[in-house]
Amino acid sequence: MGSFLNNIQLLEFTSSQLLLTCLVFIWSGFVRSGLGFGGAALGLPLMLFIYDQPLFWLPVIGTHLLIFTGWTLRKRLKNVDWGYLKKTSVYILPAKLAGVFGLLNLPNNWLIIIIYSITLIYAFLWLLNLRIQSEKGWTDKLLLVIGGYVSGTSLTGAPLMVAVFMHQVRKNMLRDTLFVLWFILVSVKMSTFVAFSIDLHTTSALMLVPVALIGHIIGLKAHDFMLQNDELFKRIIGAVLIAICVLGFSSLLK
């Protein structure tokens, strides 16, 4: 890990790295459209095994999220709880900005540790079928602030915010409302990248769009099935993510 230059492009990957990258982006697209969240949380730890630079992957993930959420929402904007989005934005957006500035200033190894640590927490919660509980009042606000900050540093804060939204937004509107939220938050992050002259790796992102589209379409078709088997799906993924995080921490210690 970490043997490439910071300005590496996708075409400079080896054949095995390209194959693994394609598989991971199919998986990430599948999760994002199937559950409505989690594409980055379940994909980024795997991407770091291929190339351990979060600032390479995060703009690519962000570009894909803007493309696919925009595509999914083009005829579904009436199915969005705009009132609740406006109500929660005062807590999420300032925390998001703070997280983005943290991302730009933290050492690379710290970012990797943060990503694996957050993923490991989610993995144990899913494996043990434990849920992040949200109650009205200060608990909701705290989860939204922490989720916004984590989303700013790594794009993996979705489950914290979902814990609040799922109790406040009607189930049939939840995925579309979350997609609008992710679109807004990623737009903030990508704008900040541009302002600070961070390479968006646009060419690499566009090259991976057809690959991610495969997973996105499969996820859209599997959405109802995944919701009906949510517990089993998360237990399996939790176990796999724990193994990935342990290997990731082991690599950092070498």
Foldseek 3Di string as FASTA:
>chain_A
DAPDDPPDAPVPADPVLNVQVLVLLLVLLLCCQQALDDSQLLRVLSNCVSPQALLQVLLLVLVLLLVLLCVVCVPPPVLAPVVVVVVLCVLQVVLLVLLQVCQVPDDSVVLSVLSLVVSLVLLVCLQVVHADAADPDPRLSVLNSVLSNSCNNGNNSVSSNLNNQVVVHDPSSRSNNSSVVSNVSSVVNVVVCVVVVRDSSVVNSVVSNVSSVNSNVNSNVCNVVCVVVVSVVSSVSSVVSNVSSVVSVVVVVD
